[in-house]
Amino acid sequence: MEYVLKIVFRISRLGSGGAERVFISLAEYIRLQYRCAIVFVVDSPDGEGVKIAAQKGFKVHSLDAKRTITSVWPFKRYLENEKPDVVLSAYPDTNGAALLSRALSRHKCKTIVSEHASIAKHWSQHSRFIQLRVQTIIKYLYPKADAIVCVSHGLRQELLSLIGSNVNALTIHNPIRFSGGSFSNAEWKRATIDQPAKILAVGRISVQKDYSTLLRAIALLKQRKFILQIVGGIYEQEEHDRLLALTHSLQIEDKVQFIGFTDAPEQYYAEADLFVLSSAWEGFGNVIVEALAFGVPVVSTNCESGPAEILDDGQYGELVPVGDFEELARRIDEILSGEKKISTAALQARAQCFSERIIGEQYWKLIKEVM
């Protein structure tokens, strides 16, 4: 089979985060629609996404690098040996390393870097040294890329404030992995009075997701017959321990289920009566779109960046201030009590604005432009 292009998706670790899921979705679409040869190149062959990528028929090449900075020379050699046409990379360290590898390599392939998390908010949790390293990569290396993709308009503005406007930086939202399809009902109905309402949150256990605000909110709910399911792997063990202690102190252990990581969250979306995102910050908020695809009502914090863009400033879901658990509880109560009329069709139609086809075509257009 003759391939149109050879494309490398470069990411340090193919785990379970948003960028990893986006890359796998894009790879599937581009391979199917445009007959491209696609390889995932990682620092080391661990992470939940490696198995998923392999199951979908993708080759995953490991550079066997203990740290991303040590991957520069191995990836340089990979570029010279394999001669890909395009490299798409994600996350500052990996973006920076990929650009350095190309600069050193005799093979000058096109390189598109992508930014998936709020630069100021996300990296403020790290040491001053790491913050300076990230800022240096963005300011001095990102302009060397053929294009910079930001997953939300807010994130793009944040990036441009760091490096100026004389770069090819554009917004391409994240694609949704699936549609609700046969899982969802024709019209949303709240849980019956003799059944507990199912409140769903999806995202790894980390400070960023601010699940403590969500736990404090559900402790205030007037509708006491409910279950909260938190679906996501443990990214920060210390945060997980704090959340367990909080559920105990709030006396809500019997109302909270920590499900853990799953590569098939569809069953949880399909059974949910309400989806809640309590994050302190996001780059986009893929899980909001996934909930909309299943026609599930959404209550989200109005964090930077993404939720307001997805929900069109509140037209397709509720937006509350970050950390305001009392307001979060009030909005959850309003929906579960049936006070608000919810149109499943409208929610699902909104989700399709972020379909793999639409987003995949935007990436393909960009690839053709840089080529």
Protein backbone atom coordinates (compact mmCIF):
# COMPACT_ATOMS: atom_id res chain seq x y z
CA MET A 1 0.00 0.00 0.00
CA GLU A 2 1.33 3.41 -0.95
CA TYR A 3 1.00 6.02 1.77
CA VAL A 4 0.23 9.68 1.20
CA LEU A 5 2.32 10.95 4.12
CA LYS A 6 4.39 9.58 6.99
CA ILE A 7 3.22 11.20 10.20
CA VAL A 8 4.73 10.88 13.68
CA PHE A 9 2.71 11.64 16.80
CA ARG A 10 5.38 12.55 19.36
CA ILE A 11 4.48 12.45 23.03
CA SER A 12 6.64 11.67 26.05
CA ARG A 13 4.26 9.14 27.57
CA LEU A 14 1.15 7.64 26.02
CA GLY A 15 -0.92 7.69 29.18
CA SER A 16 -4.60 8.41 29.79
CA GLY A 17 -4.59 12.22 29.57
CA GLY A 18 -6.52 14.43 27.20
CA ALA A 19 -3.71 15.00 24.69
CA GLU A 20 -3.09 11.27 24.40
CA ARG A 21 -6.75 10.57 23.65
CA VAL A 22 -6.79 13.41 21.12
CA PHE A 23 -3.75 12.02 19.32
CA ILE A 24 -5.24 8.54 19.06
CA SER A 25 -8.52 9.95 17.70
CA LEU A 26 -6.73 12.10 15.13
CA ALA A 27 -4.46 9.23 14.11
CA GLU A 28 -7.47 6.99 13.48
CA TYR A 29 -9.25 9.61 11.40
CA ILE A 30 -6.24 10.63 9.30
CA ARG A 31 -5.19 7.03 8.66
CA LEU A 32 -8.69 6.07 7.55
CA GLN A 33 -9.46 9.12 5.43
CA TYR A 34 -6.07 9.90 3.89
CA ARG A 35 -4.06 6.66 3.91
CA CYS A 36 -1.22 8.03 5.99
CA ALA A 37 1.46 5.92 7.69
CA ILE A 38 1.31 6.81 11.36
CA VAL A 39 3.68 6.00 14.24
CA PHE A 40 3.52 7.06 17.89
CA VAL A 41 6.98 7.89 19.26
CA VAL A 42 7.34 7.92 23.06
CA ASP A 43 10.13 8.24 25.61
CA SER A 44 9.33 4.89 27.20
CA PRO A 45 6.75 2.18 26.41
CA ASP A 46 4.63 2.51 29.55
CA GLY A 47 1.23 4.14 29.97
CA GLU A 48 -2.35 3.01 29.48
CA GLY A 49 -2.51 4.45 25.97
CA VAL A 50 0.23 2.21 24.58
CA LYS A 51 -2.02 -0.82 24.74
CA ILE A 52 -4.93 1.12 23.27
CA ALA A 53 -2.84 2.37 20.35
CA ALA A 54 -1.51 -1.14 19.67
CA GLN A 55 -5.03 -2.58 19.72
CA LYS A 56 -6.01 -0.04 17.07
CA GLY A 57 -3.15 -1.21 14.87
CA PHE A 58 -0.68 1.62 15.44
CA LYS A 59 3.05 1.11 15.86
CA VAL A 60 4.45 2.60 19.06
CA HIS A 61 8.20 3.27 18.91
CA SER A 62 10.05 3.84 22.18
CA LEU A 63 13.18 6.01 22.32
CA ASP A 64 14.10 4.37 25.64
CA ALA A 65 14.76 7.76 27.19
CA LYS A 66 14.53 8.09 30.96
CA ARG A 67 13.75 11.80 30.66
CA THR A 68 12.37 13.83 27.79
CA ILE A 69 15.51 15.99 27.58
CA THR A 70 17.57 12.86 26.95
CA SER A 71 15.30 11.96 24.00
CA VAL A 72 16.73 14.72 21.79
CA TRP A 73 19.51 12.65 20.23
CA PRO A 74 17.54 9.40 19.91
CA PHE A 75 14.72 11.27 18.18
CA LYS A 76 17.23 13.06 15.93
CA ARG A 77 18.47 9.66 14.78
CA TYR A 78 14.87 8.47 14.35
CA LEU A 79 14.08 11.43 12.09
CA GLU A 80 17.15 10.75 9.95
CA ASN A 81 16.42 7.04 9.66
CA GLU A 82 12.64 7.10 9.16
CA LYS A 83 12.29 10.48 7.40
CA PRO A 84 8.69 11.32 8.37
CA ASP A 85 6.93 14.13 6.55
CA VAL A 86 5.28 15.66 9.60
CA VAL A 87 5.71 15.49 13.39
CA LEU A 88 2.84 16.44 15.69
CA SER A 89 3.90 16.79 19.33
CA ALA A 90 2.25 17.70 22.62
CA TYR A 91 3.27 19.24 25.97
CA PRO A 92 6.05 21.83 26.44
CA ASP A 93 8.99 19.54 27.28
CA THR A 94 8.22 17.17 24.41
CA ASN A 95 7.53 20.05 22.02
CA GLY A 96 10.84 21.64 22.92
CA ALA A 97 12.76 18.37 22.60
CA ALA A 98 11.15 17.60 19.23
CA LEU A 99 12.10 21.02 17.89
CA LEU A 100 15.68 20.58 19.10
CA SER A 101 15.83 17.14 17.47
CA ARG A 102 14.70 18.60 14.15
CA ALA A 103 17.22 21.45 14.40
CA LEU A 104 20.04 18.92 14.89
CA SER A 105 18.76 16.45 12.30
CA ARG A 106 19.75 16.35 8.64
CA HIS A 107 16.09 15.57 7.89
CA LYS A 108 14.04 18.77 8.22
CA CYS A 109 10.46 17.50 8.50
CA LYS A 110 7.55 19.80 9.23
CA THR A 111 6.83 20.08 12.96
CA ILE A 112 3.54 21.11 14.55
CA VAL A 113 3.49 21.56 18.32
CA SER A 114 0.33 21.62 20.43
CA GLU A 115 -0.57 23.11 23.78
CA HIS A 116 -3.23 21.38 25.91
CA ALA A 117 -3.14 23.01 29.37
CA SER A 118 -3.27 26.49 30.83
CA ILE A 119 0.35 27.64 30.91
CA ALA A 120 0.04 29.87 33.97
CA LYS A 121 -2.38 27.75 36.00
CA HIS A 122 -0.98 24.29 35.29
CA TRP A 123 2.69 25.10 35.77
CA SER A 124 2.11 27.25 38.88
CA GLN A 125 1.87 23.96 40.78
CA HIS A 126 5.52 23.21 39.98
CA SER A 127 8.83 24.65 41.16
CA ARG A 128 10.06 28.03 39.97
CA PHE A 129 12.80 26.27 37.99
CA ILE A 130 10.25 24.20 36.05
CA GLN A 131 8.12 27.28 35.42
CA LEU A 132 11.12 29.12 33.97
CA ARG A 133 12.02 26.09 31.85
CA VAL A 134 8.53 25.91 30.37
CA GLN A 135 8.42 29.65 29.70
CA THR A 136 11.82 29.46 27.99
CA ILE A 137 10.70 26.58 25.77
CA ILE A 138 7.53 28.41 24.77
CA LYS A 139 9.18 31.79 24.21
CA TYR A 140 12.28 30.69 22.32
CA LEU A 141 11.54 27.29 20.77
CA TYR A 142 7.83 27.39 19.87
CA PRO A 143 8.41 30.15 17.26
CA LYS A 144 10.66 27.64 15.42
CA ALA A 145 7.67 25.32 14.82
CA ASP A 146 5.83 25.35 11.51
CA ALA A 147 2.58 25.80 13.44
CA ILE A 148 1.32 25.92 17.02
CA VAL A 149 -2.06 24.43 17.86
CA CYS A 150 -3.92 25.55 21.00
CA VAL A 151 -6.99 23.60 22.06
CA SER A 152 -9.00 26.66 23.11
CA HIS A 153 -9.16 30.36 22.25
CA GLY A 154 -8.32 31.29 25.82
CA LEU A 155 -5.19 29.16 25.74
CA ARG A 156 -4.14 30.70 22.42
CA GLN A 157 -4.40 34.19 23.88
CA GLU A 158 -2.36 33.10 26.88
CA LEU A 159 0.35 31.67 24.62
CA LEU A 160 0.48 34.73 22.36
CA SER A 161 0.95 36.95 25.41
CA LEU A 162 4.18 35.05 26.06
CA ILE A 163 5.66 34.87 22.55
CA GLY A 164 3.95 37.65 20.60
CA SER A 165 1.66 37.51 17.60
CA ASN A 166 4.26 36.89 14.89
CA VAL A 167 3.81 33.11 14.97
CA ASN A 168 1.51 30.66 13.22
CA ALA A 169 -0.68 29.90 16.24
CA LEU A 170 -4.27 28.79 15.79
CA THR A 171 -7.07 27.24 17.78
CA ILE A 172 -8.27 23.73 16.98
CA HIS A 173 -10.57 22.28 19.59
CA ASN A 174 -10.23 18.68 20.73
CA PRO A 175 -12.26 15.99 18.94
CA ILE A 176 -14.79 13.88 20.77
CA ARG A 177 -13.91 10.16 20.94
CA PHE A 178 -17.44 8.88 20.39
CA SER A 179 -21.07 9.88 19.98
CA GLY A 180 -23.76 8.90 22.42
CA GLY A 181 -25.61 7.01 19.71
CA SER A 182 -27.81 4.19 20.95
CA PHE A 183 -26.64 4.70 24.53
CA SER A 184 -28.72 7.82 25.09
CA ASN A 185 -32.46 8.30 25.40
CA ALA A 186 -34.47 10.45 23.02
CA GLU A 187 -34.99 12.99 25.79
CA TRP A 188 -33.30 13.43 29.16
CA LYS A 189 -35.26 12.40 32.25
CA ARG A 190 -34.07 12.83 35.80
CA ALA A 191 -33.79 9.80 38.04
CA THR A 192 -37.09 8.58 39.44
CA ILE A 193 -37.83 9.32 43.06
CA ASP A 194 -37.15 5.74 44.15
CA GLN A 195 -33.80 5.55 42.36
CA PRO A 196 -30.61 7.40 43.36
CA ALA A 197 -29.55 10.05 40.89
CA LYS A 198 -26.20 9.29 39.28
CA ILE A 199 -23.79 12.21 39.28
CA LEU A 200 -20.69 11.65 37.16
CA ALA A 201 -17.24 13.23 37.13
CA VAL A 202 -14.52 12.03 34.74
CA GLY A 203 -10.85 12.92 35.09
CA ARG A 204 -7.72 11.74 36.82
CA ILE A 205 -7.28 12.33 40.53
CA SER A 206 -5.20 15.50 40.74
CA VAL A 207 -5.22 18.96 42.31
CA GLN A 208 -6.22 20.40 38.94
CA LYS A 209 -9.59 18.63 38.97
CA ASP A 210 -10.45 20.11 42.40
CA TYR A 211 -12.64 17.20 43.46
CA SER A 212 -12.64 18.58 47.01
CA THR A 213 -14.99 21.36 45.82
CA LEU A 214 -17.26 18.74 44.25
CA LEU A 215 -17.31 16.66 47.44
CA ARG A 216 -18.19 19.70 49.55
CA ALA A 217 -20.95 20.55 47.06
CA ILE A 218 -22.64 17.16 47.12
CA ALA A 219 -22.55 17.20 50.92
CA LEU A 220 -24.97 20.16 50.68
CA LEU A 221 -27.44 18.66 48.23
CA LYS A 222 -31.06 18.82 49.22
CA GLN A 223 -31.80 15.71 47.18
CA ARG A 224 -30.04 13.22 49.44
CA LYS A 225 -30.70 10.15 47.30
CA PHE A 226 -27.78 10.14 44.86
CA ILE A 227 -24.45 8.53 44.07
CA LEU A 228 -21.35 10.33 42.83
CA GLN A 229 -19.08 8.32 40.55
CA ILE A 230 -15.56 9.68 39.95
CA VAL A 231 -13.99 7.94 36.96
CA GLY A 232 -10.25 8.48 36.58
CA GLY A 233 -6.90 7.02 37.51
CA ILE A 234 -4.82 8.24 40.43
CA TYR A 235 -2.34 10.82 39.12
CA GLU A 236 -1.44 12.23 42.55
CA GLN A 237 -1.60 9.76 45.42
CA GLU A 238 -1.43 12.48 48.06
CA GLU A 239 -4.49 14.18 46.56
CA HIS A 240 -6.34 10.85 46.48
CA ASP A 241 -5.61 10.35 50.18
CA ARG A 242 -6.88 13.86 50.95
CA LEU A 243 -10.11 13.20 49.08
CA LEU A 244 -10.72 9.96 50.96
CA ALA A 245 -10.20 11.80 54.24
CA LEU A 246 -12.61 14.51 53.12
CA THR A 247 -15.36 12.04 52.23
CA HIS A 248 -14.98 10.64 55.74
CA SER A 249 -15.10 14.04 57.45
CA LEU A 250 -18.16 15.06 55.40
CA GLN A 251 -19.80 11.70 56.18
CA ILE A 252 -20.52 10.95 52.52
CA GLU A 253 -18.51 7.73 52.08
CA ASP A 254 -21.67 5.85 51.13
CA LYS A 255 -22.45 8.38 48.37
CA VAL A 256 -19.08 8.48 46.60
CA GLN A 257 -17.49 5.84 44.36
CA PHE A 258 -13.91 6.20 43.12
CA ILE A 259 -14.10 4.05 40.00
CA GLY A 260 -10.48 4.40 38.86
CA PHE A 261 -9.16 4.40 35.29
CA THR A 262 -11.18 2.88 32.46
CA ASP A 263 -10.64 3.03 28.71
CA ALA A 264 -14.39 2.54 28.20
CA PRO A 265 -16.21 5.36 30.05
CA GLU A 266 -19.24 5.07 27.76
CA GLN A 267 -21.22 2.98 30.24
CA TYR A 268 -20.88 5.67 32.91
CA TYR A 269 -21.95 8.50 30.59
CA ALA A 270 -24.88 6.40 29.38
CA GLU A 271 -26.19 5.88 32.91
CA ALA A 272 -25.49 9.39 34.27
CA ASP A 273 -28.23 11.83 35.22
CA LEU A 274 -25.81 14.74 35.52
CA PHE A 275 -22.18 15.46 34.67
CA VAL A 276 -20.06 17.77 36.81
CA LEU A 277 -16.64 19.25 36.09
CA SER A 278 -15.14 20.99 39.12
CA SER A 279 -11.68 21.78 37.71
CA ALA A 280 -9.58 24.72 38.85
CA TRP A 281 -8.21 24.96 35.31
CA GLU A 282 -8.34 23.14 31.98
CA GLY A 283 -6.85 23.45 28.54
CA PHE A 284 -10.15 22.48 26.93
CA GLY A 285 -12.30 20.00 28.86
CA ASN A 286 -12.86 16.99 26.57
CA VAL A 287 -15.07 15.28 29.12
CA ILE A 288 -17.68 18.03 28.87
CA VAL A 289 -18.10 17.33 25.16
CA GLU A 290 -18.30 13.59 25.86
CA ALA A 291 -21.12 14.17 28.36
CA LEU A 292 -22.99 16.37 25.86
CA ALA A 293 -22.67 13.62 23.25
CA PHE A 294 -24.68 11.36 25.55
CA GLY A 295 -27.25 14.08 26.18
CA VAL A 296 -26.18 14.42 29.82
CA PRO A 297 -26.76 17.84 31.45
CA VAL A 298 -23.54 19.57 32.51
CA VAL A 299 -22.56 21.75 35.44
CA SER A 300 -19.00 23.06 35.16
CA THR A 301 -16.72 25.56 36.77
CA ASN A 302 -16.02 28.54 34.54
CA CYS A 303 -12.31 27.84 34.66
CA GLU A 304 -9.59 28.80 32.20
CA SER A 305 -9.75 27.63 29.49
CA GLY A 306 -12.39 25.72 27.56
CA PRO A 307 -15.65 25.12 29.44
CA ALA A 308 -17.22 28.48 28.52
CA GLU A 309 -16.25 27.93 24.87
CA ILE A 310 -17.75 24.43 24.81
CA LEU A 311 -20.95 25.45 26.61
CA ASP A 312 -21.26 28.70 24.63
CA ASP A 313 -21.14 30.87 27.76
CA GLY A 314 -23.82 28.82 29.50
CA GLN A 315 -26.23 28.14 26.63
CA TYR A 316 -25.58 24.38 26.77
CA GLY A 317 -24.80 23.94 30.45
CA GLU A 318 -24.34 25.62 33.81
CA LEU A 319 -21.18 27.61 34.63
CA VAL A 320 -20.17 28.42 38.21
CA PRO A 321 -17.14 30.19 39.72
CA VAL A 322 -14.08 28.06 40.47
CA GLY A 323 -14.05 26.77 44.05
CA ASP A 324 -17.62 27.93 44.87
CA PHE A 325 -19.05 24.69 46.26
CA GLU A 326 -22.24 26.36 47.51
CA GLU A 327 -23.15 27.65 44.03
CA LEU A 328 -22.12 24.31 42.54
CA ALA A 329 -24.52 22.55 44.92
CA ARG A 330 -27.33 24.96 44.05
CA ARG A 331 -26.97 24.37 40.28
CA ILE A 332 -26.80 20.58 40.76
CA ASP A 333 -29.96 20.71 42.89
CA GLU A 334 -31.78 22.73 40.22
CA ILE A 335 -31.12 20.12 37.55
CA LEU A 336 -31.75 17.02 39.65
CA SER A 337 -35.01 18.48 40.97
CA GLY A 338 -36.28 18.89 37.40
CA GLU A 339 -36.54 22.69 37.64
CA LYS A 340 -34.69 23.14 34.35
CA LYS A 341 -35.95 21.85 31.01
CA ILE A 342 -33.18 19.85 29.35
CA SER A 343 -33.11 19.09 25.60
CA THR A 344 -30.99 16.04 24.87
CA ALA A 345 -31.14 16.80 21.15
CA ALA A 346 -29.67 20.27 21.68
CA LEU A 347 -26.85 18.93 23.85
CA GLN A 348 -25.98 16.21 21.36
CA ALA A 349 -26.07 18.65 18.44
CA ARG A 350 -23.61 20.87 20.29
CA ALA A 351 -21.28 17.92 20.85
CA GLN A 352 -21.17 17.22 17.13
CA CYS A 353 -19.49 20.60 16.60
CA PHE A 354 -16.43 18.80 18.00
CA SER A 355 -16.74 15.59 16.00
CA GLU A 356 -13.68 13.66 14.85
CA ARG A 357 -14.59 14.50 11.26
CA ILE A 358 -14.75 18.26 11.82
CA ILE A 359 -11.63 18.45 14.00
CA GLY A 360 -9.77 15.88 11.89
CA GLU A 361 -10.39 17.96 8.77
CA GLN A 362 -9.06 21.07 10.51
CA TYR A 363 -5.83 19.24 11.37
CA TRP A 364 -5.56 17.83 7.84
CA LYS A 365 -6.00 21.31 6.38
CA LEU A 366 -3.19 22.55 8.65
CA ILE A 367 -0.93 19.65 7.66
CA LYS A 368 -1.46 20.44 3.97
CA GLU A 369 -0.72 24.12 4.61
CA VAL A 370 2.59 23.48 6.36
CA MET A 371 3.59 20.96 3.70
